[in-house]
């Protein structure tokens, strides 16, 4: 009986020591995690404000990096509504994509929906639309892009 108790106590102490040794600050890898990256074909989560950087392609708006794509939304309130600029770029050098079909699906503060086709501005290398609404509140925007059959979508919010 004493031998069994001694073996159990020795095993328990050994496991405690092993657990204590293994709890150091070891780096964790998320490369194989299903949450490590979002495929470009799935809608992304709400964007966060980006830092403006000439080398990163930043325009000072909300940015989503989705696979090889850089999506950026910039809004500006005007007297006739809200001016929406959407930068759709690809690769490390953020080369503008000019041949996509882009639509902004906007949920207004009152809950109603508005669909805005966006046109490409070749001189400024981005897509643009005017939202003819100046009501105060939070606007939710889903940008739906079709690049030669590949769907690249992003979700953004802004307040007026």
C-alpha atoms as a PDB file:
ATOM      1  CA  UNK A   1       0.000   0.000   0.000  1.00  0.00           C
ATOM      2  CA  UNK A   2       2.814   2.384   0.901  1.00  0.00           C
ATOM      3  CA  UNK A   3       4.564   1.486  -2.360  1.00  0.00           C
ATOM      4  CA  UNK A   4       1.470   2.395  -4.413  1.00  0.00           C
ATOM      5  CA  UNK A   5       1.115   5.689  -2.567  1.00  0.00           C
ATOM      6  CA  UNK A   6       4.806   6.494  -3.100  1.00  0.00           C
ATOM      7  CA  UNK A   7       4.602   5.768  -6.838  1.00  0.00           C
ATOM      8  CA  UNK A   8       1.473   7.931  -7.185  1.00  0.00           C
ATOM      9  CA  UNK A   9       3.052  10.807  -5.245  1.00  0.00           C
ATOM     10  CA  UNK A  10       6.250  10.586  -7.311  1.00  0.00           C
ATOM     11  CA  UNK A  11       4.222  10.593 -10.562  1.00  0.00           C
ATOM     12  CA  UNK A  12       2.149  13.592  -9.460  1.00  0.00           C
ATOM     13  CA  UNK A  13       5.250  15.596  -8.523  1.00  0.00           C
ATOM     14  CA  UNK A  14       6.864  14.679 -11.854  1.00  0.00           C
ATOM     15  CA  UNK A  15       3.832  15.886 -13.788  1.00  0.00           C
ATOM     16  CA  UNK A  16       3.762  19.152 -11.837  1.00  0.00           C
ATOM     17  CA  UNK A  17       7.444  19.768 -12.586  1.00  0.00           C
ATOM     18  CA  UNK A  18       6.920  18.937 -16.248  1.00  0.00           C
ATOM     19  CA  UNK A  19       3.963  21.340 -16.430  1.00  0.00           C
ATOM     20  CA  UNK A  20       5.962  24.110 -14.748  1.00  0.00           C
ATOM     21  CA  UNK A  21       8.864  23.677 -17.172  1.00  0.00           C
ATOM     22  CA  UNK A  22       6.570  23.731 -20.184  1.00  0.00           C
ATOM     23  CA  UNK A  23       4.723  26.952 -19.295  1.00  0.00           C
ATOM     24  CA  UNK A  24       7.444  29.324 -20.484  1.00  0.00           C
ATOM     25  CA  UNK A  25       6.867  32.075 -23.041  1.00  0.00           C
ATOM     26  CA  UNK A  26       6.981  30.083 -26.217  1.00  0.00           C
ATOM     27  CA  UNK A  27       5.903  31.600 -29.534  1.00  0.00           C
ATOM     28  CA  UNK A  28       2.654  30.298 -30.928  1.00  0.00           C
ATOM     29  CA  UNK A  29       2.122  29.694 -34.596  1.00  0.00           C
ATOM     30  CA  UNK A  30      -1.205  30.373 -36.277  1.00  0.00           C
ATOM     31  CA  UNK A  31      -0.143  29.386 -39.774  1.00  0.00           C
ATOM     32  CA  UNK A  32      -2.212  26.208 -39.665  1.00  0.00           C
ATOM     33  CA  UNK A  33      -5.095  27.809 -37.811  1.00  0.00           C
ATOM     34  CA  UNK A  34      -8.342  28.161 -39.794  1.00  0.00           C
ATOM     35  CA  UNK A  35      -8.571  31.755 -38.525  1.00  0.00           C
ATOM     36  CA  UNK A  36      -5.043  32.694 -39.674  1.00  0.00           C
ATOM     37  CA  UNK A  37      -6.221  34.081 -43.002  1.00  0.00           C
ATOM     38  CA  UNK A  38      -9.460  34.821 -44.745  1.00  0.00           C
ATOM     39  CA  UNK A  39      -9.762  33.736 -48.381  1.00  0.00           C
ATOM     40  CA  UNK A  40     -10.383  36.538 -50.847  1.00  0.00           C
ATOM     41  CA  UNK A  41     -13.661  34.968 -51.903  1.00  0.00           C
ATOM     42  CA  UNK A  42     -15.336  35.356 -48.510  1.00  0.00           C
ATOM     43  CA  UNK A  43     -16.632  38.599 -47.039  1.00  0.00           C
ATOM     44  CA  UNK A  44     -14.259  40.147 -44.577  1.00  0.00           C
ATOM     45  CA  UNK A  45     -15.039  41.476 -41.162  1.00  0.00           C
ATOM     46  CA  UNK A  46     -15.520  45.113 -40.355  1.00  0.00           C
ATOM     47  CA  UNK A  47     -12.441  47.121 -41.239  1.00  0.00           C
ATOM     48  CA  UNK A  48     -10.346  49.153 -38.883  1.00  0.00           C
ATOM     49  CA  UNK A  49      -8.769  52.522 -39.636  1.00  0.00           C
ATOM     50  CA  UNK A  50      -5.478  52.245 -41.465  1.00  0.00           C
ATOM     51  CA  UNK A  51      -2.332  54.258 -41.163  1.00  0.00           C
ATOM     52  CA  UNK A  52      -1.607  56.371 -44.199  1.00  0.00           C
ATOM     53  CA  UNK A  53       1.577  55.256 -45.880  1.00  0.00           C
ATOM     54  CA  UNK A  54       2.817  56.085 -49.362  1.00  0.00           C
ATOM     55  CA  UNK A  55       4.697  52.794 -49.671  1.00  0.00           C
ATOM     56  CA  UNK A  56       1.788  50.668 -48.442  1.00  0.00           C
ATOM     57  CA  UNK A  57      -0.809  52.237 -50.732  1.00  0.00           C
ATOM     58  CA  UNK A  58      -2.708  53.769 -47.825  1.00  0.00           C
ATOM     59  CA  UNK A  59      -5.114  56.650 -48.446  1.00  0.00           C
ATOM     60  CA  UNK A  60      -5.971  57.192 -44.786  1.00  0.00           C
ATOM     61  CA  UNK A  61      -9.221  55.223 -44.967  1.00  0.00           C
ATOM     62  CA  UNK A  62     -10.411  51.874 -43.628  1.00  0.00           C
ATOM     63  CA  UNK A  63      -8.338  48.962 -44.957  1.00  0.00           C
ATOM     64  CA  UNK A  64      -8.907  45.250 -45.444  1.00  0.00           C
ATOM     65  CA  UNK A  65      -6.105  43.006 -46.671  1.00  0.00           C
ATOM     66  CA  UNK A  66      -7.761  39.963 -48.236  1.00  0.00           C
ATOM     67  CA  UNK A  67      -5.321  37.476 -49.744  1.00  0.00           C
ATOM     68  CA  UNK A  68      -3.388  39.344 -52.446  1.00  0.00           C
ATOM     69  CA  UNK A  69      -5.908  42.227 -52.440  1.00  0.00           C
ATOM     70  CA  UNK A  70      -5.839  45.596 -50.684  1.00  0.00           C
ATOM     71  CA  UNK A  71      -9.317  47.103 -50.186  1.00  0.00           C
ATOM     72  CA  UNK A  72      -9.618  50.632 -48.838  1.00  0.00           C
ATOM     73  CA  UNK A  73     -12.690  52.800 -48.259  1.00  0.00           C
ATOM     74  CA  UNK A  74     -12.488  56.580 -47.877  1.00  0.00           C
ATOM     75  CA  UNK A  75     -15.625  58.659 -47.250  1.00  0.00           C
ATOM     76  CA  UNK A  76     -16.124  62.427 -47.224  1.00  0.00           C
ATOM     77  CA  UNK A  77     -19.291  64.313 -46.322  1.00  0.00           C
ATOM     78  CA  UNK A  78     -20.350  66.841 -48.955  1.00  0.00           C
ATOM     79  CA  UNK A  79     -23.334  69.198 -49.280  1.00  0.00           C
ATOM     80  CA  UNK A  80     -25.077  66.822 -51.733  1.00  0.00           C
ATOM     81  CA  UNK A  81     -24.367  63.622 -49.793  1.00  0.00           C
ATOM     82  CA  UNK A  82     -21.396  61.410 -48.991  1.00  0.00           C
ATOM     83  CA  UNK A  83     -18.573  60.926 -51.483  1.00  0.00           C
ATOM     84  CA  UNK A  84     -17.340  57.303 -51.388  1.00  0.00           C
ATOM     85  CA  UNK A  85     -13.917  56.353 -52.757  1.00  0.00           C
ATOM     86  CA  UNK A  86     -12.922  52.698 -52.949  1.00  0.00           C
ATOM     87  CA  UNK A  87      -9.379  51.625 -53.741  1.00  0.00           C
ATOM     88  CA  UNK A  88      -9.112  48.076 -55.105  1.00  0.00           C
ATOM     89  CA  UNK A  89      -5.480  47.044 -55.476  1.00  0.00           C
ATOM     90  CA  UNK A  90      -3.434  43.882 -55.865  1.00  0.00           C
ATOM     91  CA  UNK A  91       0.028  42.665 -54.936  1.00  0.00           C
ATOM     92  CA  UNK A  92       2.796  43.994 -52.741  1.00  0.00           C
ATOM     93  CA  UNK A  93       3.067  47.161 -54.834  1.00  0.00           C
ATOM     94  CA  UNK A  94      -0.732  47.753 -54.609  1.00  0.00           C
ATOM     95  CA  UNK A  95      -1.346  47.976 -58.340  1.00  0.00           C
ATOM     96  CA  UNK A  96      -4.792  49.418 -59.098  1.00  0.00           C
ATOM     97  CA  UNK A  97      -7.387  47.054 -60.581  1.00  0.00           C
ATOM     98  CA  UNK A  98      -9.365  48.983 -63.173  1.00  0.00           C
ATOM     99  CA  UNK A  99     -11.490  46.255 -64.767  1.00  0.00           C
ATOM    100  CA  UNK A 100     -13.649  45.128 -61.825  1.00  0.00           C
ATOM    101  CA  UNK A 101     -17.392  45.463 -61.457  1.00  0.00           C
ATOM    102  CA  UNK A 102     -17.869  47.174 -58.075  1.00  0.00           C
ATOM    103  CA  UNK A 103     -21.089  47.845 -56.173  1.00  0.00           C
ATOM    104  CA  UNK A 104     -21.565  49.422 -52.743  1.00  0.00           C
ATOM    105  CA  UNK A 105     -24.457  47.984 -50.721  1.00  0.00           C
ATOM    106  CA  UNK A 106     -25.162  50.619 -48.062  1.00  0.00           C
ATOM    107  CA  UNK A 107     -27.338  50.171 -44.990  1.00  0.00           C
ATOM    108  CA  UNK A 108     -28.549  53.604 -43.889  1.00  0.00           C
ATOM    109  CA  UNK A 109     -28.973  54.573 -40.207  1.00  0.00           C
ATOM    110  CA  UNK A 110     -32.744  53.960 -40.475  1.00  0.00           C
ATOM    111  CA  UNK A 111     -32.097  50.357 -41.593  1.00  0.00           C
ATOM    112  CA  UNK A 112     -33.042  50.838 -45.258  1.00  0.00           C
ATOM    113  CA  UNK A 113     -30.717  49.603 -48.018  1.00  0.00           C
ATOM    114  CA  UNK A 114     -29.278  51.419 -51.019  1.00  0.00           C
ATOM    115  CA  UNK A 115     -27.265  49.882 -53.870  1.00  0.00           C
ATOM    116  CA  UNK A 116     -24.706  52.144 -55.558  1.00  0.00           C
ATOM    117  CA  UNK A 117     -22.822  51.086 -58.701  1.00  0.00           C
ATOM    118  CA  UNK A 118     -19.276  52.441 -58.475  1.00  0.00           C
ATOM    119  CA  UNK A 119     -17.429  53.816 -61.498  1.00  0.00           C
ATOM    120  CA  UNK A 120     -13.676  53.729 -62.056  1.00  0.00           C
ATOM    121  CA  UNK A 121     -11.846  57.076 -62.033  1.00  0.00           C
ATOM    122  CA  UNK A 122      -8.777  56.415 -64.209  1.00  0.00           C
ATOM    123  CA  UNK A 123      -6.967  59.612 -63.218  1.00  0.00           C
ATOM    124  CA  UNK A 124      -7.134  58.850 -59.480  1.00  0.00           C
ATOM    125  CA  UNK A 125      -7.056  55.030 -59.916  1.00  0.00           C
ATOM    126  CA  UNK A 126     -10.048  54.198 -57.709  1.00  0.00           C
ATOM    127  CA  UNK A 127     -13.788  53.548 -57.796  1.00  0.00           C
ATOM    128  CA  UNK A 128     -16.201  56.259 -56.760  1.00  0.00           C
ATOM    129  CA  UNK A 129     -19.886  56.914 -56.005  1.00  0.00           C
ATOM    130  CA  UNK A 130     -22.049  59.516 -54.294  1.00  0.00           C
ATOM    131  CA  UNK A 131     -24.453  58.456 -51.542  1.00  0.00           C
ATOM    132  CA  UNK A 132     -27.238  61.062 -51.707  1.00  0.00           C
ATOM    133  CA  UNK A 133     -27.968  60.995 -48.009  1.00  0.00           C
ATOM    134  CA  UNK A 134     -26.817  63.224 -45.189  1.00  0.00           C
ATOM    135  CA  UNK A 135     -28.751  61.721 -42.256  1.00  0.00           C
ATOM    136  CA  UNK A 136     -26.656  61.458 -39.097  1.00  0.00           C
ATOM    137  CA  UNK A 137     -25.803  58.000 -37.799  1.00  0.00           C
ATOM    138  CA  UNK A 138     -23.854  54.864 -38.602  1.00  0.00           C
ATOM    139  CA  UNK A 139     -23.688  53.542 -42.159  1.00  0.00           C
ATOM    140  CA  UNK A 140     -22.718  49.943 -42.923  1.00  0.00           C
ATOM    141  CA  UNK A 141     -21.170  49.345 -46.341  1.00  0.00           C
ATOM    142  CA  UNK A 142     -20.577  46.050 -48.125  1.00  0.00           C
ATOM    143  CA  UNK A 143     -18.362  46.515 -51.178  1.00  0.00           C
ATOM    144  CA  UNK A 144     -18.973  43.741 -53.702  1.00  0.00           C
ATOM    145  CA  UNK A 145     -16.228  43.386 -56.320  1.00  0.00           C
ATOM    146  CA  UNK A 146     -16.099  41.027 -59.270  1.00  0.00           C
ATOM    147  CA  UNK A 147     -12.614  40.802 -60.785  1.00  0.00           C
ATOM    148  CA  UNK A 148     -12.892  38.640 -63.916  1.00  0.00           C
ATOM    149  CA  UNK A 149     -15.233  36.237 -62.113  1.00  0.00           C
ATOM    150  CA  UNK A 150     -13.407  36.290 -58.764  1.00  0.00           C
ATOM    151  CA  UNK A 151     -15.476  37.740 -55.919  1.00  0.00           C
ATOM    152  CA  UNK A 152     -13.596  40.043 -53.543  1.00  0.00           C
ATOM    153  CA  UNK A 153     -15.801  41.626 -50.883  1.00  0.00           C
ATOM    154  CA  UNK A 154     -15.239  43.864 -47.890  1.00  0.00           C
ATOM    155  CA  UNK A 155     -17.389  45.236 -45.068  1.00  0.00           C
ATOM    156  CA  UNK A 156     -16.901  48.736 -43.702  1.00  0.00           C
ATOM    157  CA  UNK A 157     -18.699  51.230 -41.440  1.00  0.00           C
ATOM    158  CA  UNK A 158     -18.639  54.999 -41.152  1.00  0.00           C
ATOM    159  CA  UNK A 159     -20.540  57.666 -39.222  1.00  0.00           C
ATOM    160  CA  UNK A 160     -22.006  60.989 -40.361  1.00  0.00           C
END
